[in-house]
Structures are given as structure tokens and as C-alpha cells.
N, C-alpha and C. Protein backbone atom coordinates (compact mmCIF):
# COMPACT_ATOMS: atom_id res chain seq x y z
N UNK A 1 19.66 -42.50 43.52
CA UNK A 1 20.30 -41.33 42.94
C UNK A 1 20.09 -41.28 41.43
N UNK A 2 20.28 -42.39 40.77
CA UNK A 2 20.06 -42.47 39.33
C UNK A 2 18.61 -42.17 38.99
N UNK A 3 17.70 -42.61 39.83
CA UNK A 3 16.27 -42.39 39.60
C UNK A 3 15.94 -40.90 39.65
N UNK A 4 16.59 -40.19 40.56
CA UNK A 4 16.37 -38.73 40.68
C UNK A 4 16.86 -38.03 39.42
N UNK A 5 18.02 -38.40 38.93
CA UNK A 5 18.56 -37.79 37.70
C UNK A 5 17.67 -38.11 36.51
N UNK A 6 17.18 -39.34 36.47
CA UNK A 6 16.30 -39.74 35.38
C UNK A 6 15.02 -38.91 35.41
N UNK A 7 14.46 -38.69 36.60
CA UNK A 7 13.23 -37.87 36.72
C UNK A 7 13.50 -36.42 36.32
N UNK A 8 14.64 -35.90 36.70
CA UNK A 8 14.99 -34.53 36.30
C UNK A 8 15.08 -34.43 34.78
N UNK A 9 15.74 -35.42 34.19
CA UNK A 9 15.86 -35.44 32.74
C UNK A 9 14.49 -35.55 32.09
N UNK A 10 13.64 -36.40 32.64
CA UNK A 10 12.28 -36.56 32.13
C UNK A 10 11.50 -35.25 32.22
N UNK A 11 11.63 -34.52 33.30
CA UNK A 11 10.95 -33.24 33.47
C UNK A 11 11.46 -32.20 32.48
N UNK A 12 12.76 -32.21 32.27
CA UNK A 12 13.33 -31.27 31.30
C UNK A 12 12.81 -31.57 29.90
N UNK A 13 12.77 -32.85 29.55
CA UNK A 13 12.28 -33.24 28.23
C UNK A 13 10.81 -32.86 28.08
N UNK A 14 10.02 -33.13 29.10
CA UNK A 14 8.60 -32.75 29.05
C UNK A 14 8.45 -31.24 28.89
N UNK A 15 9.27 -30.48 29.61
CA UNK A 15 9.23 -29.03 29.49
C UNK A 15 9.58 -28.56 28.08
N UNK A 16 10.62 -29.21 27.51
CA UNK A 16 11.02 -28.86 26.15
C UNK A 16 9.94 -29.21 25.14
N UNK A 17 9.29 -30.35 25.32
CA UNK A 17 8.22 -30.75 24.42
C UNK A 17 7.06 -29.76 24.51
N UNK A 18 6.69 -29.37 25.71
CA UNK A 18 5.60 -28.39 25.90
C UNK A 18 5.97 -27.05 25.28
N UNK A 19 7.21 -26.64 25.48
CA UNK A 19 7.67 -25.37 24.90
C UNK A 19 7.65 -25.46 23.38
N UNK A 20 8.08 -26.59 22.84
CA UNK A 20 8.07 -26.79 21.40
C UNK A 20 6.66 -26.71 20.85
N UNK A 21 5.71 -27.35 21.52
CA UNK A 21 4.32 -27.30 21.07
C UNK A 21 3.77 -25.88 21.13
N UNK A 22 4.12 -25.15 22.19
CA UNK A 22 3.67 -23.76 22.31
C UNK A 22 4.26 -22.90 21.20
N UNK A 23 5.52 -23.15 20.88
CA UNK A 23 6.18 -22.39 19.81
C UNK A 23 5.58 -22.73 18.45
N UNK A 24 5.24 -23.99 18.23
CA UNK A 24 4.60 -24.37 16.96
C UNK A 24 3.24 -23.68 16.83
N UNK A 25 2.50 -23.62 17.93
CA UNK A 25 1.19 -22.96 17.92
C UNK A 25 1.36 -21.47 17.61
N UNK A 26 2.33 -20.85 18.26
CA UNK A 26 2.59 -19.42 18.05
C UNK A 26 3.03 -19.17 16.60
N UNK A 27 3.85 -20.07 16.07
CA UNK A 27 4.29 -19.94 14.68
C UNK A 27 3.10 -19.98 13.73
N UNK A 28 2.19 -20.90 13.97
CA UNK A 28 1.00 -21.00 13.13
C UNK A 28 0.18 -19.71 13.21
N UNK A 29 0.01 -19.18 14.42
CA UNK A 29 -0.72 -17.92 14.59
C UNK A 29 -0.05 -16.79 13.82
N UNK A 30 1.27 -16.73 13.91
CA UNK A 30 2.01 -15.66 13.23
C UNK A 30 1.95 -15.83 11.71
N UNK A 31 2.00 -17.06 11.23
CA UNK A 31 1.88 -17.29 9.79
C UNK A 31 0.51 -16.86 9.29
N UNK A 32 -0.54 -17.12 10.06
CA UNK A 32 -1.88 -16.68 9.68
C UNK A 32 -1.96 -15.16 9.67
N UNK A 33 -1.33 -14.54 10.67
CA UNK A 33 -1.32 -13.08 10.72
C UNK A 33 -0.57 -12.49 9.53
N UNK A 34 0.54 -13.11 9.16
CA UNK A 34 1.30 -12.65 7.99
C UNK A 34 0.43 -12.74 6.74
N UNK A 35 -0.31 -13.83 6.60
CA UNK A 35 -1.18 -13.99 5.43
C UNK A 35 -2.25 -12.91 5.40
N UNK A 36 -2.84 -12.60 6.55
CA UNK A 36 -3.86 -11.55 6.64
C UNK A 36 -3.25 -10.21 6.25
N UNK A 37 -2.10 -9.91 6.82
CA UNK A 37 -1.44 -8.63 6.53
C UNK A 37 -1.01 -8.54 5.07
N UNK A 38 -0.59 -9.66 4.50
CA UNK A 38 -0.22 -9.66 3.08
C UNK A 38 -1.43 -9.33 2.22
N UNK A 39 -2.58 -9.89 2.58
CA UNK A 39 -3.81 -9.56 1.86
C UNK A 39 -4.16 -8.09 1.99
N UNK A 40 -3.99 -7.54 3.18
CA UNK A 40 -4.26 -6.12 3.39
C UNK A 40 -3.31 -5.26 2.55
N UNK A 41 -2.07 -5.68 2.47
CA UNK A 41 -1.09 -4.93 1.68
C UNK A 41 -1.46 -4.99 0.20
N UNK A 42 -1.85 -6.19 -0.28
CA UNK A 42 -2.26 -6.30 -1.69
C UNK A 42 -3.46 -5.39 -1.96
N UNK A 43 -4.41 -5.36 -1.03
CA UNK A 43 -5.60 -4.52 -1.20
C UNK A 43 -5.21 -3.04 -1.21
N UNK A 44 -4.32 -2.66 -0.30
CA UNK A 44 -3.88 -1.26 -0.25
C UNK A 44 -3.14 -0.87 -1.53
N UNK A 45 -2.29 -1.77 -2.02
CA UNK A 45 -1.57 -1.48 -3.27
C UNK A 45 -2.53 -1.33 -4.44
N UNK A 46 -3.57 -2.13 -4.44
CA UNK A 46 -4.57 -2.02 -5.50
C UNK A 46 -5.28 -0.67 -5.43
N UNK A 47 -5.62 -0.25 -4.22
CA UNK A 47 -6.27 1.05 -4.05
C UNK A 47 -5.33 2.18 -4.48
N UNK A 48 -4.08 2.05 -4.13
CA UNK A 48 -3.10 3.07 -4.51
C UNK A 48 -2.99 3.17 -6.02
N UNK A 49 -2.95 2.01 -6.67
CA UNK A 49 -2.86 2.01 -8.14
C UNK A 49 -4.09 2.69 -8.75
N UNK A 50 -5.26 2.40 -8.21
CA UNK A 50 -6.48 3.01 -8.72
C UNK A 50 -6.46 4.53 -8.49
N UNK A 51 -6.03 4.95 -7.32
CA UNK A 51 -5.96 6.38 -7.04
C UNK A 51 -4.94 7.07 -7.94
N UNK A 52 -3.84 6.41 -8.23
CA UNK A 52 -2.84 6.98 -9.13
C UNK A 52 -3.42 7.15 -10.53
N UNK A 53 -4.20 6.16 -10.98
CA UNK A 53 -4.85 6.27 -12.29
C UNK A 53 -5.83 7.44 -12.32
N UNK A 54 -6.61 7.57 -11.24
CA UNK A 54 -7.56 8.69 -11.17
C UNK A 54 -6.83 10.02 -11.15
N UNK A 55 -5.73 10.09 -10.40
CA UNK A 55 -4.95 11.33 -10.34
C UNK A 55 -4.41 11.68 -11.71
N UNK A 56 -3.88 10.69 -12.42
CA UNK A 56 -3.34 10.94 -13.76
C UNK A 56 -4.44 11.41 -14.71
N UNK A 57 -5.62 10.82 -14.59
CA UNK A 57 -6.75 11.23 -15.43
C UNK A 57 -7.14 12.67 -15.15
N UNK A 58 -7.22 13.02 -13.89
CA UNK A 58 -7.57 14.40 -13.51
C UNK A 58 -6.50 15.37 -13.99
N UNK A 59 -5.24 14.98 -13.83
CA UNK A 59 -4.13 15.84 -14.29
C UNK A 59 -4.24 16.08 -15.79
N UNK A 60 -4.54 15.03 -16.53
CA UNK A 60 -4.67 15.17 -17.98
C UNK A 60 -5.82 16.10 -18.33
N UNK A 61 -6.95 15.98 -17.63
CA UNK A 61 -8.09 16.87 -17.90
C UNK A 61 -7.75 18.32 -17.56
N UNK A 62 -7.06 18.52 -16.44
CA UNK A 62 -6.67 19.88 -16.05
C UNK A 62 -5.71 20.47 -17.08
N UNK A 63 -4.76 19.67 -17.54
CA UNK A 63 -3.83 20.15 -18.56
C UNK A 63 -4.57 20.54 -19.84
N UNK A 64 -5.55 19.72 -20.22
CA UNK A 64 -6.34 20.02 -21.42
C UNK A 64 -7.10 21.33 -21.24
N UNK A 65 -7.70 21.52 -20.06
CA UNK A 65 -8.44 22.76 -19.80
C UNK A 65 -7.51 23.97 -19.80
N UNK A 66 -6.33 23.80 -19.21
CA UNK A 66 -5.36 24.90 -19.21
C UNK A 66 -4.93 25.26 -20.63
N UNK A 67 -4.74 24.25 -21.46
CA UNK A 67 -4.39 24.51 -22.87
C UNK A 67 -5.52 25.27 -23.57
N UNK A 68 -6.76 24.89 -23.30
CA UNK A 68 -7.90 25.60 -23.89
C UNK A 68 -7.93 27.06 -23.43
N UNK A 69 -7.66 27.27 -22.15
CA UNK A 69 -7.63 28.65 -21.64
C UNK A 69 -6.52 29.46 -22.31
N UNK A 70 -5.38 28.83 -22.52
CA UNK A 70 -4.28 29.54 -23.20
C UNK A 70 -4.70 29.89 -24.62
N UNK A 71 -5.37 28.96 -25.29
CA UNK A 71 -5.84 29.24 -26.65
C UNK A 71 -6.83 30.39 -26.66
N UNK A 72 -7.73 30.41 -25.67
CA UNK A 72 -8.72 31.48 -25.59
C UNK A 72 -8.03 32.81 -25.33
N UNK A 73 -7.07 32.83 -24.41
CA UNK A 73 -6.34 34.06 -24.11
C UNK A 73 -5.56 34.54 -25.33
N UNK A 74 -4.93 33.62 -26.03
CA UNK A 74 -4.18 34.01 -27.23
C UNK A 74 -5.12 34.55 -28.29
N UNK A 75 -6.29 33.94 -28.42
CA UNK A 75 -7.27 34.40 -29.40
C UNK A 75 -7.78 35.78 -29.04
N UNK A 76 -8.03 36.01 -27.76
CA UNK A 76 -8.51 37.33 -27.32
C UNK A 76 -7.46 38.40 -27.55
N UNK A 77 -6.20 38.07 -27.29
CA UNK A 77 -5.14 39.04 -27.51
C UNK A 77 -5.00 39.38 -28.99
N UNK A 78 -5.12 38.36 -29.83
CA UNK A 78 -5.04 38.59 -31.27
C UNK A 78 -6.23 39.43 -31.73
N UNK A 79 -7.42 39.13 -31.24
CA UNK A 79 -8.61 39.89 -31.60
C UNK A 79 -8.49 41.33 -31.13
N UNK A 80 -7.96 41.52 -29.95
CA UNK A 80 -7.78 42.86 -29.42
C UNK A 80 -6.82 43.67 -30.25
N UNK A 81 -5.75 43.07 -30.73
CA UNK A 81 -4.79 43.78 -31.58
C UNK A 81 -5.42 44.15 -32.91
N UNK A 82 -6.20 43.26 -33.47
CA UNK A 82 -6.87 43.55 -34.74
C UNK A 82 -7.88 44.68 -34.56
N UNK A 83 -8.59 44.67 -33.44
CA UNK A 83 -9.59 45.72 -33.18
C UNK A 83 -8.89 47.07 -33.05
N UNK A 84 -7.75 47.11 -32.38
CA UNK A 84 -7.03 48.37 -32.18
C UNK A 84 -6.51 48.92 -33.53
N UNK A 85 -6.11 48.06 -34.43
CA UNK A 85 -5.59 48.49 -35.73
C UNK A 85 -6.70 49.09 -36.57
N UNK A 86 -7.94 48.57 -36.45
CA UNK A 86 -9.04 49.06 -37.25
C UNK A 86 -9.52 50.41 -36.73
N UNK A 87 -9.35 50.66 -35.47
CA UNK A 87 -9.90 51.89 -34.89
C UNK A 87 -8.98 53.03 -35.06
């Protein structure tokens, strides 16, 4: 009877050891996956930062062009008023 209980205990321990080894293996796989995903996130953040810089540069150029257009329109309106006064 004691031998049967001892064998049951031995089987349970073996099962726990196997499960522990499987869990350690899975943990290692998941840690590697986390590292890969972290690298992907760093790369994506870098791309986002670059795109934000490009967007800001384009916005600045558009604002400059719009200011030039406003200056041209203001100049044309002033020239038009002067022309009307002379005529």
C-alpha cells in the first residue's frame, strides 16, 4: 500500500517537473517574442517621429507660401487702388 502511494507521489512530481519545464520553455519563447515586438515598436516610433518632422516641414513651407500669396494679393489690391485714383 505504501509503495502504491509512493508511486503516485512520484508520478505527480514527475508531472509537475515536466509541466515546469514546459512552462520555462514557453516563458523563454514569450520573452523572445516580447523583445521582437519591442524592437518593432521602437522602429515604428522612429518612423512616426520622422513622419512628424516631415509633416511639420511641409506645414511650414505651406504657411510660407500662403504668406507670400497674401503679400501678393495685398500688393495687387494696393496697386489697383492707385491705378483707379490716377484714372
